[in-house]
Structures are given as C-alpha cells and as structure tokens.
C-alpha atoms as a PDB file:
ATOM      1  CA  UNK A   1     -17.674  -7.464  10.857  1.00  0.00           C
ATOM      2  CA  UNK A   2     -19.818  -4.687  11.702  1.00  0.00           C
ATOM      3  CA  UNK A   3     -19.307  -1.179  10.896  1.00  0.00           C
ATOM      4  CA  UNK A   4     -20.891   1.804  12.883  1.00  0.00           C
ATOM      5  CA  UNK A   5     -24.172   1.335  11.573  1.00  0.00           C
ATOM      6  CA  UNK A   6     -24.010  -2.206  13.151  1.00  0.00           C
ATOM      7  CA  UNK A   7     -24.519  -3.741   9.714  1.00  0.00           C
ATOM      8  CA  UNK A   8     -22.279  -5.922   7.742  1.00  0.00           C
ATOM      9  CA  UNK A   9     -20.317  -4.511   5.125  1.00  0.00           C
ATOM     10  CA  UNK A  10     -20.925  -5.206   1.493  1.00  0.00           C
ATOM     11  CA  UNK A  11     -17.863  -6.834  -0.649  1.00  0.00           C
ATOM     12  CA  UNK A  12     -18.039  -3.372  -2.560  1.00  0.00           C
ATOM     13  CA  UNK A  13     -18.261  -1.092   0.297  1.00  0.00           C
ATOM     14  CA  UNK A  14     -14.986  -2.896   2.016  1.00  0.00           C
ATOM     15  CA  UNK A  15     -13.163  -2.619  -1.192  1.00  0.00           C
ATOM     16  CA  UNK A  16     -14.012   0.959  -1.400  1.00  0.00           C
ATOM     17  CA  UNK A  17     -12.957   1.380   2.095  1.00  0.00           C
ATOM     18  CA  UNK A  18      -9.659  -0.002   1.494  1.00  0.00           C
ATOM     19  CA  UNK A  19      -9.021   2.222  -1.826  1.00  0.00           C
ATOM     20  CA  UNK A  20      -9.854   5.221   0.513  1.00  0.00           C
ATOM     21  CA  UNK A  21      -7.396   4.138   3.074  1.00  0.00           C
ATOM     22  CA  UNK A  22      -4.524   3.829   0.665  1.00  0.00           C
ATOM     23  CA  UNK A  23      -5.446   6.933  -1.189  1.00  0.00           C
ATOM     24  CA  UNK A  24      -5.153   8.769   2.188  1.00  0.00           C
ATOM     25  CA  UNK A  25      -1.498   7.724   2.544  1.00  0.00           C
ATOM     26  CA  UNK A  26       0.809  10.536   1.423  1.00  0.00           C
ATOM     27  CA  UNK A  27       3.418   7.739   0.908  1.00  0.00           C
ATOM     28  CA  UNK A  28       1.372   5.349  -1.216  1.00  0.00           C
ATOM     29  CA  UNK A  29      -0.278   8.603  -3.206  1.00  0.00           C
ATOM     30  CA  UNK A  30       3.149   9.212  -4.692  1.00  0.00           C
ATOM     31  CA  UNK A  31       5.879   6.509  -4.211  1.00  0.00           C
ATOM     32  CA  UNK A  32       8.999   5.370  -6.322  1.00  0.00           C
ATOM     33  CA  UNK A  33       9.065   1.505  -6.562  1.00  0.00           C
ATOM     34  CA  UNK A  34      12.223  -0.440  -7.911  1.00  0.00           C
ATOM     35  CA  UNK A  35      11.872  -3.782  -9.438  1.00  0.00           C
ATOM     36  CA  UNK A  36      12.408  -6.419 -12.368  1.00  0.00           C
ATOM     37  CA  UNK A  37       9.430  -6.184 -14.935  1.00  0.00           C
ATOM     38  CA  UNK A  38       7.737  -9.486 -15.227  1.00  0.00           C
ATOM     39  CA  UNK A  39       4.407 -10.586 -17.356  1.00  0.00           C
ATOM     40  CA  UNK A  40       4.487  -7.366 -19.706  1.00  0.00           C
ATOM     41  CA  UNK A  41       1.592  -6.653 -21.768  1.00  0.00           C
ATOM     42  CA  UNK A  42       0.630  -3.632 -24.038  1.00  0.00           C
ATOM     43  CA  UNK A  43      -3.056  -3.686 -24.341  1.00  0.00           C
ATOM     44  CA  UNK A  44      -4.610  -2.359 -27.683  1.00  0.00           C
ATOM     45  CA  UNK A  45      -5.832   0.681 -25.551  1.00  0.00           C
ATOM     46  CA  UNK A  46      -2.314   1.351 -25.072  1.00  0.00           C
ATOM     47  CA  UNK A  47      -2.472   0.672 -21.377  1.00  0.00           C
ATOM     48  CA  UNK A  48       0.836  -1.390 -20.196  1.00  0.00           C
ATOM     49  CA  UNK A  49      -0.173  -4.282 -17.698  1.00  0.00           C
ATOM     50  CA  UNK A  50       2.804  -5.970 -15.746  1.00  0.00           C
ATOM     51  CA  UNK A  51       4.082  -6.935 -12.690  1.00  0.00           C
ATOM     52  CA  UNK A  52       7.065  -5.750 -10.707  1.00  0.00           C
ATOM     53  CA  UNK A  53       9.157  -8.193  -8.507  1.00  0.00           C
ATOM     54  CA  UNK A  54      11.905  -8.723  -6.397  1.00  0.00           C
ATOM     55  CA  UNK A  55      13.364 -11.572  -4.737  1.00  0.00           C
ATOM     56  CA  UNK A  56      10.604 -11.957  -2.423  1.00  0.00           C
ATOM     57  CA  UNK A  57       7.391 -10.364  -3.531  1.00  0.00           C
ATOM     58  CA  UNK A  58       5.314  -8.844  -6.718  1.00  0.00           C
ATOM     59  CA  UNK A  59       2.847  -6.103  -7.470  1.00  0.00           C
ATOM     60  CA  UNK A  60       0.594  -5.859  -9.959  1.00  0.00           C
ATOM     61  CA  UNK A  61       0.998  -2.650 -11.959  1.00  0.00           C
ATOM     62  CA  UNK A  62      -1.170  -0.803 -14.650  1.00  0.00           C
ATOM     63  CA  UNK A  63       0.422   2.543 -16.645  1.00  0.00           C
ATOM     64  CA  UNK A  64      -2.368   3.987 -18.470  1.00  0.00           C
ATOM     65  CA  UNK A  65      -1.944   5.302 -22.100  1.00  0.00           C
ATOM     66  CA  UNK A  66      -1.327   8.928 -21.249  1.00  0.00           C
ATOM     67  CA  UNK A  67       1.334   7.914 -19.295  1.00  0.00           C
ATOM     68  CA  UNK A  68       2.993   5.390 -21.325  1.00  0.00           C
ATOM     69  CA  UNK A  69       2.952   7.600 -24.317  1.00  0.00           C
ATOM     70  CA  UNK A  70       5.830   9.724 -22.559  1.00  0.00           C
ATOM     71  CA  UNK A  71       8.184   6.843 -22.260  1.00  0.00           C
ATOM     72  CA  UNK A  72      11.276   6.981 -24.409  1.00  0.00           C
ATOM     73  CA  UNK A  73      12.092   3.332 -24.485  1.00  0.00           C
ATOM     74  CA  UNK A  74       9.903   0.029 -24.920  1.00  0.00           C
ATOM     75  CA  UNK A  75       9.435  -1.738 -21.298  1.00  0.00           C
ATOM     76  CA  UNK A  76      10.295  -5.680 -21.670  1.00  0.00           C
ATOM     77  CA  UNK A  77      10.179  -8.671 -19.058  1.00  0.00           C
ATOM     78  CA  UNK A  78      13.570  -8.666 -17.310  1.00  0.00           C
ATOM     79  CA  UNK A  79      14.340  -5.011 -17.378  1.00  0.00           C
ATOM     80  CA  UNK A  80      14.885  -3.619 -13.721  1.00  0.00           C
ATOM     81  CA  UNK A  81      12.984  -0.328 -13.319  1.00  0.00           C
ATOM     82  CA  UNK A  82      12.130   2.276 -11.194  1.00  0.00           C
ATOM     83  CA  UNK A  83       8.557   3.626 -11.218  1.00  0.00           C
ATOM     84  CA  UNK A  84       6.490   6.505  -9.800  1.00  0.00           C
ATOM     85  CA  UNK A  85       3.021   6.056  -8.989  1.00  0.00           C
ATOM     86  CA  UNK A  86       0.128   5.158  -6.326  1.00  0.00           C
ATOM     87  CA  UNK A  87      -0.874   1.835  -4.618  1.00  0.00           C
ATOM     88  CA  UNK A  88      -4.600   1.608  -4.888  1.00  0.00           C
ATOM     89  CA  UNK A  89      -7.462  -1.082  -4.653  1.00  0.00           C
ATOM     90  CA  UNK A  90      -9.399  -1.451  -7.963  1.00  0.00           C
ATOM     91  CA  UNK A  91     -12.466  -1.860  -6.471  1.00  0.00           C
ATOM     92  CA  UNK A  92     -14.427  -4.264  -8.740  1.00  0.00           C
ATOM     93  CA  UNK A  93     -12.105  -6.826  -8.435  1.00  0.00           C
ATOM     94  CA  UNK A  94     -10.411  -6.141  -5.035  1.00  0.00           C
ATOM     95  CA  UNK A  95      -6.938  -6.329  -6.104  1.00  0.00           C
ATOM     96  CA  UNK A  96      -4.497  -4.264  -5.056  1.00  0.00           C
ATOM     97  CA  UNK A  97      -1.965  -2.748  -7.645  1.00  0.00           C
ATOM     98  CA  UNK A  98       0.094  -0.002  -8.449  1.00  0.00           C
ATOM     99  CA  UNK A  99      -0.807   2.904 -10.943  1.00  0.00           C
ATOM    100  CA  UNK A 100       2.310   3.593 -12.488  1.00  0.00           C
ATOM    101  CA  UNK A 101       2.646   7.332 -14.144  1.00  0.00           C
ATOM    102  CA  UNK A 102       6.509   7.363 -14.712  1.00  0.00           C
ATOM    103  CA  UNK A 103       9.091   4.699 -15.558  1.00  0.00           C
END
C-alpha cells in the first residue's frame, strides 16, 4: 500500500490514520450504544474495562476514572446498559474500542 509520498506506511502511521478517520466522523465522536456488559474489570487506577455485546457482535470499551466516578451504580457482567462515548483506535495496539463517558 503506497500513500501520496509513494512509500509504504509504517504500522504506527496506519493506526494513526485510522484513529483520525474515526475522530473526524461526527457520528462516532458522540454516539450512544446499547448492549450487555461482559468481561467487566475495574483497574486499580479507577478505569473500567469491559465489552459490550449483543447477539451478533462485541466491542471493547474503556471508561476512564473521571467518568467512572460519576456513576451511581456498580456495573457488572450481564447488565444491559446504554453508554455514550466515542469510537477510536488505540494506536499502540491497533485496537478499535469505545471510549465511554456516560453509562
């Protein structure tokens, strides 16, 4: 795959490009997603890591400590929730995930 400078992209450049594409999409910058919590983990830092799933698909999610502090319930596996956040690519790992700000 060659870009406008006629050279192959590095993995970092490819992942950063994908991140910018998602960040530039108005729908994906602020979307609501409904699903069932799976694989819930609360990290010592206060960040929450989990997947949201439905009958056909799954998306990895992270909710940073500052947002998680505003929750008035304790999330758990099996709960059906609606989250708000933004879809992005974690450039280091090349993984697509949802950055949750509200649940």
